[in-house]
Amino acid sequence: MSYLSQPPRPLTRRPPVESMTGAVRMPLHSVIRMVALASAVTLVLGSQAILDWALALPVHPASDLAVNAADQWHAWMGQVGLTRPAEAARSGFRQLQN
């Protein structure tokens, strides 16, 4: 017997399910601290992604400033050695794709 040959079930109204039951409330300063930490990690370890983003901006004098700043930042992160983790992750991902 197929699904379509069966009569439809009657609709029943169910009470909404509270998905936040038991969730811990975070004070605003804790959320701001976590966002700041995530932003700092992105700036330090994601310099290639920031450079790629800046290069994709439309041509504009402000875009030139963003590209120059991102290029200098990426070069500095490379000198310090902080581009290696992202390069290793990209290399590993490419190997998985092949």
PDB file of N, CA and C in Angstrom:
ATOM      1  N   MET A   1       0.854  -1.174   0.000  1.00  0.00           N
ATOM      2  CA  MET A   1       0.000   0.000   0.000  1.00  0.00           C
ATOM      3  C   MET A   1       0.903   1.241   0.000  1.00  0.00           C
ATOM      4  N   SER A   2       0.656   2.153  -0.905  1.00  0.00           N
ATOM      5  CA  SER A   2       1.513   3.330  -0.989  1.00  0.00           C
ATOM      6  C   SER A   2       1.021   4.425  -0.042  1.00  0.00           C
ATOM      7  N   TYR A   3       1.890   5.371   0.161  1.00  0.00           N
ATOM      8  CA  TYR A   3       1.587   6.484   1.062  1.00  0.00           C
ATOM      9  C   TYR A   3       0.412   7.300   0.546  1.00  0.00           C
ATOM     10  N   LEU A   4       0.353   7.488  -0.782  1.00  0.00           N
ATOM     11  CA  LEU A   4      -0.690   8.340  -1.357  1.00  0.00           C
ATOM     12  C   LEU A   4      -2.069   7.690  -1.321  1.00  0.00           C
ATOM     13  N   SER A   5      -2.122   6.377  -1.208  1.00  0.00           N
ATOM     14  CA  SER A   5      -3.430   5.718  -1.192  1.00  0.00           C
ATOM     15  C   SER A   5      -4.056   5.700   0.205  1.00  0.00           C
ATOM     16  N   GLN A   6      -3.300   6.090   1.202  1.00  0.00           N
ATOM     17  CA  GLN A   6      -3.834   6.108   2.562  1.00  0.00           C
ATOM     18  C   GLN A   6      -4.619   7.392   2.784  1.00  0.00           C
ATOM     19  N   PRO A   7      -5.681   7.342   3.584  1.00  0.00           N
ATOM     20  CA  PRO A   7      -6.435   8.571   3.857  1.00  0.00           C
ATOM     21  C   PRO A   7      -5.587   9.523   4.707  1.00  0.00           C
ATOM     22  N   PRO A   8      -5.781  10.813   4.529  1.00  0.00           N
ATOM     23  CA  PRO A   8      -4.992  11.771   5.311  1.00  0.00           C
ATOM     24  C   PRO A   8      -5.339  11.690   6.790  1.00  0.00           C
ATOM     25  N   ARG A   9      -4.323  11.924   7.618  1.00  0.00           N
ATOM     26  CA  ARG A   9      -4.556  11.937   9.062  1.00  0.00           C
ATOM     27  C   ARG A   9      -5.203  13.255   9.452  1.00  0.00           C
ATOM     28  N   PRO A  10      -6.037  13.244  10.466  1.00  0.00           N
ATOM     29  CA  PRO A  10      -6.634  14.514  10.905  1.00  0.00           C
ATOM     30  C   PRO A  10      -5.556  15.420  11.509  1.00  0.00           C
ATOM     31  N   LEU A  11      -5.694  16.701  11.278  1.00  0.00           N
ATOM     32  CA  LEU A  11      -4.750  17.673  11.819  1.00  0.00           C
ATOM     33  C   LEU A  11      -5.005  17.854  13.307  1.00  0.00           C
ATOM     34  N   THR A  12      -3.951  17.836  14.071  1.00  0.00           N
ATOM     35  CA  THR A  12      -4.069  18.071  15.509  1.00  0.00           C
ATOM     36  C   THR A  12      -3.201  19.259  15.870  1.00  0.00           C
ATOM     37  N   ARG A  13      -3.697  20.068  16.752  1.00  0.00           N
ATOM     38  CA  ARG A  13      -2.948  21.251  17.175  1.00  0.00           C
ATOM     39  C   ARG A  13      -2.129  20.885  18.398  1.00  0.00           C
ATOM     40  N   ARG A  14      -0.815  21.093  18.295  1.00  0.00           N
ATOM     41  CA  ARG A  14       0.081  20.797  19.409  1.00  0.00           C
ATOM     42  C   ARG A  14       0.585  22.101  20.014  1.00  0.00           C
ATOM     43  N   PRO A  15       0.831  22.102  21.300  1.00  0.00           N
ATOM     44  CA  PRO A  15       1.379  23.321  21.904  1.00  0.00           C
ATOM     45  C   PRO A  15       2.803  23.548  21.397  1.00  0.00           C
ATOM     46  N   PRO A  16       3.224  24.806  21.303  1.00  0.00           N
ATOM     47  CA  PRO A  16       4.586  25.079  20.833  1.00  0.00           C
ATOM     48  C   PRO A  16       5.624  24.502  21.797  1.00  0.00           C
ATOM     49  N   VAL A  17       6.728  24.093  21.247  1.00  0.00           N
ATOM     50  CA  VAL A  17       7.816  23.538  22.051  1.00  0.00           C
ATOM     51  C   VAL A  17       8.796  24.664  22.348  1.00  0.00           C
ATOM     52  N   GLU A  18       9.103  24.854  23.592  1.00  0.00           N
ATOM     53  CA  GLU A  18      10.060  25.882  23.997  1.00  0.00           C
ATOM     54  C   GLU A  18      11.462  25.320  23.820  1.00  0.00           C
ATOM     55  N   SER A  19      12.188  25.852  22.857  1.00  0.00           N
ATOM     56  CA  SER A  19      13.521  25.314  22.565  1.00  0.00           C
ATOM     57  C   SER A  19      14.591  25.853  23.510  1.00  0.00           C
ATOM     58  N   MET A  20      14.302  26.885  24.235  1.00  0.00           N
ATOM     59  CA  MET A  20      15.312  27.495  25.100  1.00  0.00           C
ATOM     60  C   MET A  20      15.197  27.036  26.554  1.00  0.00           C
ATOM     61  N   THR A  21      14.367  26.043  26.813  1.00  0.00           N
ATOM     62  CA  THR A  21      14.222  25.544  28.176  1.00  0.00           C
ATOM     63  C   THR A  21      15.558  24.999  28.659  1.00  0.00           C
ATOM     64  N   GLY A  22      16.004  25.442  29.773  1.00  0.00           N
ATOM     65  CA  GLY A  22      17.260  24.969  30.338  1.00  0.00           C
ATOM     66  C   GLY A  22      18.486  25.705  29.827  1.00  0.00           C
ATOM     67  N   ALA A  23      18.311  26.624  28.884  1.00  0.00           N
ATOM     68  CA  ALA A  23      19.460  27.362  28.359  1.00  0.00           C
ATOM     69  C   ALA A  23      19.932  28.376  29.399  1.00  0.00           C
ATOM     70  N   VAL A  24      21.221  28.578  29.438  1.00  0.00           N
ATOM     71  CA  VAL A  24      21.810  29.523  30.386  1.00  0.00           C
ATOM     72  C   VAL A  24      21.763  30.918  29.780  1.00  0.00           C
ATOM     73  N   ARG A  25      21.307  31.866  30.553  1.00  0.00           N
ATOM     74  CA  ARG A  25      21.302  33.259  30.086  1.00  0.00           C
ATOM     75  C   ARG A  25      22.703  33.826  30.215  1.00  0.00           C
ATOM     76  N   MET A  26      23.169  34.473  29.154  1.00  0.00           N
ATOM     77  CA  MET A  26      24.502  35.062  29.151  1.00  0.00           C
ATOM     78  C   MET A  26      24.370  36.577  29.293  1.00  0.00           C
ATOM     79  N   PRO A  27      25.099  37.167  30.225  1.00  0.00           N
ATOM     80  CA  PRO A  27      25.087  38.624  30.325  1.00  0.00           C
ATOM     81  C   PRO A  27      25.696  39.240  29.062  1.00  0.00           C
ATOM     82  N   LEU A  28      25.280  40.450  28.755  1.00  0.00           N
ATOM     83  CA  LEU A  28      25.731  41.123  27.547  1.00  0.00           C
ATOM     84  C   LEU A  28      27.249  41.241  27.498  1.00  0.00           C
ATOM     85  N   HIS A  29      27.896  41.519  28.612  1.00  0.00           N
ATOM     86  CA  HIS A  29      29.355  41.672  28.598  1.00  0.00           C
ATOM     87  C   HIS A  29      30.043  40.365  28.222  1.00  0.00           C
ATOM     88  N   SER A  30      29.453  39.224  28.576  1.00  0.00           N
ATOM     89  CA  SER A  30      30.033  37.935  28.181  1.00  0.00           C
ATOM     90  C   SER A  30      29.899  37.712  26.680  1.00  0.00           C
ATOM     91  N   VAL A  31      28.765  38.103  26.127  1.00  0.00           N
ATOM     92  CA  VAL A  31      28.554  37.966  24.684  1.00  0.00           C
ATOM     93  C   VAL A  31      29.517  38.877  23.934  1.00  0.00           C
ATOM     94  N   ILE A  32      29.670  40.108  24.403  1.00  0.00           N
ATOM     95  CA  ILE A  32      30.595  41.047  23.764  1.00  0.00           C
ATOM     96  C   ILE A  32      32.015  40.509  23.832  1.00  0.00           C
ATOM     97  N   ARG A  33      32.391  39.927  24.954  1.00  0.00           N
ATOM     98  CA  ARG A  33      33.730  39.354  25.106  1.00  0.00           C
ATOM     99  C   ARG A  33      33.949  38.210  24.103  1.00  0.00           C
ATOM    100  N   MET A  34      32.945  37.347  23.932  1.00  0.00           N
ATOM    101  CA  MET A  34      33.076  36.225  22.990  1.00  0.00           C
ATOM    102  C   MET A  34      33.159  36.715  21.549  1.00  0.00           C
ATOM    103  N   VAL A  35      32.374  37.726  21.197  1.00  0.00           N
ATOM    104  CA  VAL A  35      32.424  38.279  19.841  1.00  0.00           C
ATOM    105  C   VAL A  35      33.777  38.942  19.595  1.00  0.00           C
ATOM    106  N   ALA A  36      34.302  39.650  20.586  1.00  0.00           N
ATOM    107  CA  ALA A  36      35.618  40.275  20.443  1.00  0.00           C
ATOM    108  C   ALA A  36      36.709  39.220  20.278  1.00  0.00           C
ATOM    109  N   LEU A  37      36.634  38.142  21.038  1.00  0.00           N
ATOM    110  CA  LEU A  37      37.616  37.067  20.911  1.00  0.00           C
ATOM    111  C   LEU A  37      37.538  36.410  19.536  1.00  0.00           C
ATOM    112  N   ALA A  38      36.328  36.141  19.064  1.00  0.00           N
ATOM    113  CA  ALA A  38      36.163  35.542  17.732  1.00  0.00           C
ATOM    114  C   ALA A  38      36.690  36.473  16.651  1.00  0.00           C
ATOM    115  N   SER A  39      36.464  37.773  16.804  1.00  0.00           N
ATOM    116  CA  SER A  39      36.973  38.742  15.832  1.00  0.00           C
ATOM    117  C   SER A  39      38.492  38.778  15.840  1.00  0.00           C
ATOM    118  N   ALA A  40      39.091  38.734  17.023  1.00  0.00           N
ATOM    119  CA  ALA A  40      40.552  38.742  17.117  1.00  0.00           C
ATOM    120  C   ALA A  40      41.152  37.492  16.484  1.00  0.00           C
ATOM    121  N   VAL A  41      40.548  36.338  16.735  1.00  0.00           N
ATOM    122  CA  VAL A  41      41.043  35.092  16.129  1.00  0.00           C
ATOM    123  C   VAL A  41      40.916  35.160  14.616  1.00  0.00           C
ATOM    124  N   THR A  42      39.809  35.717  14.125  1.00  0.00           N
ATOM    125  CA  THR A  42      39.624  35.860  12.680  1.00  0.00           C
ATOM    126  C   THR A  42      40.670  36.791  12.087  1.00  0.00           C
ATOM    127  N   LEU A  43      40.957  37.891  12.758  1.00  0.00           N
ATOM    128  CA  LEU A  43      41.979  38.815  12.264  1.00  0.00           C
ATOM    129  C   LEU A  43      43.350  38.165  12.213  1.00  0.00           C
ATOM    130  N   VAL A  44      43.676  37.384  13.231  1.00  0.00           N
ATOM    131  CA  VAL A  44      45.014  36.798  13.313  1.00  0.00           C
ATOM    132  C   VAL A  44      45.156  35.595  12.391  1.00  0.00           C
ATOM    133  N   LEU A  45      44.198  34.678  12.430  1.00  0.00           N
ATOM    134  CA  LEU A  45      44.340  33.436  11.669  1.00  0.00           C
ATOM    135  C   LEU A  45      43.668  33.479  10.298  1.00  0.00           C
ATOM    136  N   GLY A  46      42.875  34.497  10.025  1.00  0.00           N
ATOM    137  CA  GLY A  46      42.152  34.558   8.757  1.00  0.00           C
ATOM    138  C   GLY A  46      42.605  35.677   7.851  1.00  0.00           C
ATOM    139  N   SER A  47      43.894  35.997   7.869  1.00  0.00           N
ATOM    140  CA  SER A  47      44.366  37.125   7.065  1.00  0.00           C
ATOM    141  C   SER A  47      44.192  36.872   5.573  1.00  0.00           C
ATOM    142  N   GLN A  48      44.313  35.624   5.120  1.00  0.00           N
ATOM    143  CA  GLN A  48      44.111  35.322   3.696  1.00  0.00           C
ATOM    144  C   GLN A  48      42.654  35.555   3.309  1.00  0.00           C
ATOM    145  N   ALA A  49      41.734  35.155   4.157  1.00  0.00           N
ATOM    146  CA  ALA A  49      40.309  35.367   3.875  1.00  0.00           C
ATOM    147  C   ALA A  49      39.981  36.858   3.855  1.00  0.00           C
ATOM    148  N   ILE A  50      40.598  37.625   4.736  1.00  0.00           N
ATOM    149  CA  ILE A  50      40.373  39.075   4.751  1.00  0.00           C
ATOM    150  C   ILE A  50      40.917  39.695   3.474  1.00  0.00           C
ATOM    151  N   LEU A  51      42.093  39.237   3.031  1.00  0.00           N
ATOM    152  CA  LEU A  51      42.669  39.740   1.782  1.00  0.00           C
ATOM    153  C   LEU A  51      41.784  39.364   0.596  1.00  0.00           C
ATOM    154  N   ASP A  52      41.302  38.129   0.558  1.00  0.00           N
ATOM    155  CA  ASP A  52      40.401  37.707  -0.525  1.00  0.00           C
ATOM    156  C   ASP A  52      39.135  38.560  -0.545  1.00  0.00           C
ATOM    157  N   TRP A  53      38.598  38.851   0.638  1.00  0.00           N
ATOM    158  CA  TRP A  53      37.405  39.693   0.730  1.00  0.00           C
ATOM    159  C   TRP A  53      37.694  41.091   0.190  1.00  0.00           C
ATOM    160  N   ALA A  54      38.835  41.660   0.578  1.00  0.00           N
ATOM    161  CA  ALA A  54      39.181  43.012   0.133  1.00  0.00           C
ATOM    162  C   ALA A  54      39.388  43.052  -1.381  1.00  0.00           C
ATOM    163  N   LEU A  55      39.996  42.013  -1.931  1.00  0.00           N
ATOM    164  CA  LEU A  55      40.221  41.972  -3.378  1.00  0.00           C
ATOM    165  C   LEU A  55      38.910  41.834  -4.155  1.00  0.00           C
ATOM    166  N   ALA A  56      37.884  41.307  -3.531  1.00  0.00           N
ATOM    167  CA  ALA A  56      36.590  41.132  -4.196  1.00  0.00           C
ATOM    168  C   ALA A  56      35.708  42.376  -4.112  1.00  0.00           C
ATOM    169  N   LEU A  57      36.141  43.395  -3.384  1.00  0.00           N
ATOM    170  CA  LEU A  57      35.350  44.619  -3.277  1.00  0.00           C
ATOM    171  C   LEU A  57      35.295  45.329  -4.628  1.00  0.00           C
ATOM    172  N   PRO A  58      34.218  46.078  -4.906  1.00  0.00           N
ATOM    173  CA  PRO A  58      34.163  46.835  -6.161  1.00  0.00           C
ATOM    174  C   PRO A  58      35.232  47.930  -6.172  1.00  0.00           C
ATOM    175  N   VAL A  59      35.626  48.323  -7.373  1.00  0.00           N
ATOM    176  CA  VAL A  59      36.677  49.336  -7.521  1.00  0.00           C
ATOM    177  C   VAL A  59      36.175  50.665  -6.959  1.00  0.00           C
ATOM    178  N   HIS A  60      36.942  51.197  -6.025  1.00  0.00           N
ATOM    179  CA  HIS A  60      36.585  52.450  -5.354  1.00  0.00           C
ATOM    180  C   HIS A  60      37.820  52.885  -4.567  1.00  0.00           C
ATOM    181  N   PRO A  61      38.016  54.182  -4.355  1.00  0.00           N
ATOM    182  CA  PRO A  61      39.177  54.606  -3.559  1.00  0.00           C
ATOM    183  C   PRO A  61      39.221  53.973  -2.167  1.00  0.00           C
ATOM    184  N   ALA A  62      38.063  53.804  -1.549  1.00  0.00           N
ATOM    185  CA  ALA A  62      38.044  53.158  -0.228  1.00  0.00           C
ATOM    186  C   ALA A  62      38.449  51.695  -0.342  1.00  0.00           C
ATOM    187  N   SER A  63      38.093  51.055  -1.456  1.00  0.00           N
ATOM    188  CA  SER A  63      38.485  49.663  -1.670  1.00  0.00           C
ATOM    189  C   SER A  63      39.997  49.543  -1.786  1.00  0.00           C
ATOM    190  N   ASP A  64      40.617  50.528  -2.437  1.00  0.00           N
ATOM    191  CA  ASP A  64      42.078  50.512  -2.550  1.00  0.00           C
ATOM    192  C   ASP A  64      42.726  50.559  -1.175  1.00  0.00           C
ATOM    193  N   LEU A  65      42.167  51.379  -0.290  1.00  0.00           N
ATOM    194  CA  LEU A  65      42.692  51.444   1.075  1.00  0.00           C
ATOM    195  C   LEU A  65      42.527  50.103   1.784  1.00  0.00           C
ATOM    196  N   ALA A  66      41.366  49.480   1.601  1.00  0.00           N
ATOM    197  CA  ALA A  66      41.107  48.187   2.242  1.00  0.00           C
ATOM    198  C   ALA A  66      42.044  47.115   1.703  1.00  0.00           C
ATOM    199  N   VAL A  67      42.281  47.113   0.383  1.00  0.00           N
ATOM    200  CA  VAL A  67      43.179  46.120  -0.216  1.00  0.00           C
ATOM    201  C   VAL A  67      44.600  46.323   0.289  1.00  0.00           C
ATOM    202  N   ASN A  68      45.059  47.565   0.324  1.00  0.00           N
ATOM    203  CA  ASN A  68      46.415  47.837   0.817  1.00  0.00           C
ATOM    204  C   ASN A  68      46.571  47.423   2.274  1.00  0.00           C
ATOM    205  N   ALA A  69      45.591  47.762   3.095  1.00  0.00           N
ATOM    206  CA  ALA A  69      45.663  47.398   4.513  1.00  0.00           C
ATOM    207  C   ALA A  69      45.625  45.882   4.684  1.00  0.00           C
ATOM    208  N   ALA A  70      44.743  45.202   3.943  1.00  0.00           N
ATOM    209  CA  ALA A  70      44.642  43.741   4.050  1.00  0.00           C
ATOM    210  C   ALA A  70      45.913  43.067   3.548  1.00  0.00           C
ATOM    211  N   ASP A  71      46.505  43.608   2.484  1.00  0.00           N
ATOM    212  CA  ASP A  71      47.741  43.038   1.943  1.00  0.00           C
ATOM    213  C   ASP A  71      48.890  43.194   2.945  1.00  0.00           C
ATOM    214  N   GLN A  72      49.009  44.362   3.546  1.00  0.00           N
ATOM    215  CA  GLN A  72      50.050  44.575   4.555  1.00  0.00           C
ATOM    216  C   GLN A  72      49.816  43.678   5.768  1.00  0.00           C
ATOM    217  N   TRP A  73      48.570  43.552   6.198  1.00  0.00           N
ATOM    218  CA  TRP A  73      48.246  42.705   7.346  1.00  0.00           C
ATOM    219  C   TRP A  73      48.598  41.248   7.054  1.00  0.00           C
ATOM    220  N   HIS A  74      48.235  40.772   5.852  1.00  0.00           N
ATOM    221  CA  HIS A  74      48.522  39.388   5.480  1.00  0.00           C
ATOM    222  C   HIS A  74      50.034  39.152   5.403  1.00  0.00           C
ATOM    223  N   ALA A  75      50.762  40.119   4.863  1.00  0.00           N
ATOM    224  CA  ALA A  75      52.225  39.985   4.786  1.00  0.00           C
ATOM    225  C   ALA A  75      52.826  39.924   6.188  1.00  0.00           C
ATOM    226  N   TRP A  76      52.331  40.758   7.095  1.00  0.00           N
ATOM    227  CA  TRP A  76      52.853  40.752   8.457  1.00  0.00           C
ATOM    228  C   TRP A  76      52.523  39.443   9.168  1.00  0.00           C
ATOM    229  N   MET A  77      51.302  38.953   9.003  1.00  0.00           N
ATOM    230  CA  MET A  77      50.925  37.670   9.609  1.00  0.00           C
ATOM    231  C   MET A  77      51.776  36.535   9.033  1.00  0.00           C
ATOM    232  N   GLY A  78      52.149  36.644   7.744  1.00  0.00           N
ATOM    233  CA  GLY A  78      53.025  35.646   7.137  1.00  0.00           C
ATOM    234  C   GLY A  78      54.418  35.690   7.727  1.00  0.00           C
ATOM    235  N   GLN A  79      54.923  36.890   7.982  1.00  0.00           N
ATOM    236  CA  GLN A  79      56.257  37.027   8.589  1.00  0.00           C
ATOM    237  C   GLN A  79      56.278  36.445   9.993  1.00  0.00           C
ATOM    238  N   VAL A  80      55.209  36.626  10.712  1.00  0.00           N
ATOM    239  CA  VAL A  80      55.114  36.120  12.080  1.00  0.00           C
ATOM    240  C   VAL A  80      54.872  34.607  12.084  1.00  0.00           C
ATOM    241  N   GLY A  81      54.341  34.083  10.972  1.00  0.00           N
ATOM    242  CA  GLY A  81      54.091  32.651  10.859  1.00  0.00           C
ATOM    243  C   GLY A  81      52.667  32.240  11.174  1.00  0.00           C
ATOM    244  N   LEU A  82      51.769  33.206  11.250  1.00  0.00           N
ATOM    245  CA  LEU A  82      50.392  32.889  11.620  1.00  0.00           C
ATOM    246  C   LEU A  82      49.509  32.538  10.427  1.00  0.00           C
ATOM    247  N   THR A  83      50.086  32.497   9.218  1.00  0.00           N
ATOM    248  CA  THR A  83      49.311  32.048   8.060  1.00  0.00           C
ATOM    249  C   THR A  83      49.445  30.544   7.860  1.00  0.00           C
ATOM    250  N   ARG A  84      50.390  29.925   8.546  1.00  0.00           N
ATOM    251  CA  ARG A  84      50.631  28.482   8.364  1.00  0.00           C
ATOM    252  C   ARG A  84      49.443  27.602   8.753  1.00  0.00           C
ATOM    253  N   PRO A  85      48.739  27.858   9.857  1.00  0.00           N
ATOM    254  CA  PRO A  85      47.599  26.985  10.182  1.00  0.00           C
ATOM    255  C   PRO A  85      46.524  26.985   9.095  1.00  0.00           C
ATOM    256  N   ALA A  86      46.203  28.160   8.558  1.00  0.00           N
ATOM    257  CA  ALA A  86      45.183  28.227   7.507  1.00  0.00           C
ATOM    258  C   ALA A  86      45.680  27.561   6.233  1.00  0.00           C
ATOM    259  N   GLU A  87      46.960  27.746   5.906  1.00  0.00           N
ATOM    260  CA  GLU A  87      47.522  27.101   4.717  1.00  0.00           C
ATOM    261  C   GLU A  87      47.497  25.585   4.867  1.00  0.00           C
ATOM    262  N   ALA A  88      47.823  25.088   6.043  1.00  0.00           N
ATOM    263  CA  ALA A  88      47.801  23.640   6.284  1.00  0.00           C
ATOM    264  C   ALA A  88      46.373  23.102   6.191  1.00  0.00           C
ATOM    265  N   ALA A  89      45.415  23.847   6.721  1.00  0.00           N
ATOM    266  CA  ALA A  89      44.018  23.412   6.647  1.00  0.00           C
ATOM    267  C   ALA A  89      43.539  23.387   5.199  1.00  0.00           C
ATOM    268  N   ARG A  90      43.892  24.427   4.423  1.00  0.00           N
ATOM    269  CA  ARG A  90      43.508  24.447   3.010  1.00  0.00           C
ATOM    270  C   ARG A  90      44.151  23.299   2.247  1.00  0.00           C
ATOM    271  N   SER A  91      45.417  23.040   2.516  1.00  0.00           N
ATOM    272  CA  SER A  91      46.128  21.952   1.845  1.00  0.00           C
ATOM    273  C   SER A  91      45.489  20.605   2.173  1.00  0.00           C
ATOM    274  N   GLY A  92      45.175  20.391   3.425  1.00  0.00           N
ATOM    275  CA  GLY A  92      44.523  19.148   3.825  1.00  0.00           C
ATOM    276  C   GLY A  92      43.158  18.991   3.190  1.00  0.00           C
ATOM    277  N   PHE A  93      42.412  20.083   3.093  1.00  0.00           N
ATOM    278  CA  PHE A  93      41.092  20.028   2.476  1.00  0.00           C
ATOM    279  C   PHE A  93      41.202  19.697   0.993  1.00  0.00           C
ATOM    280  N   ARG A  94      42.201  20.295   0.312  1.00  0.00           N
ATOM    281  CA  ARG A  94      42.409  19.985  -1.109  1.00  0.00           C
ATOM    282  C   ARG A  94      42.768  18.521  -1.302  1.00  0.00           C
ATOM    283  N   GLN A  95      43.570  17.971  -0.397  1.00  0.00           N
ATOM    284  CA  GLN A  95      43.933  16.558  -0.502  1.00  0.00           C
ATOM    285  C   GLN A  95      42.711  15.667  -0.305  1.00  0.00           C
ATOM    286  N   LEU A  96      41.809  16.059   0.577  1.00  0.00           N
ATOM    287  CA  LEU A  96      40.580  15.288   0.772  1.00  0.00           C
ATOM    288  C   LEU A  96      39.680  15.342  -0.460  1.00  0.00           C
ATOM    289  N   GLN A  97      39.695  16.474  -1.159  1.00  0.00           N
ATOM    290  CA  GLN A  97      38.865  16.612  -2.351  1.00  0.00           C
ATOM    291  C   GLN A  97      39.375  15.737  -3.492  1.00  0.00           C
ATOM    292  N   ASN A  98      40.679  15.506  -3.550  1.00  0.00           N
ATOM    293  CA  ASN A  98      41.256  14.719  -4.657  1.00  0.00           C
ATOM    294  C   ASN A  98      41.192  13.274  -4.394  1.00  0.00           C
TER     295      ASN A  98
END
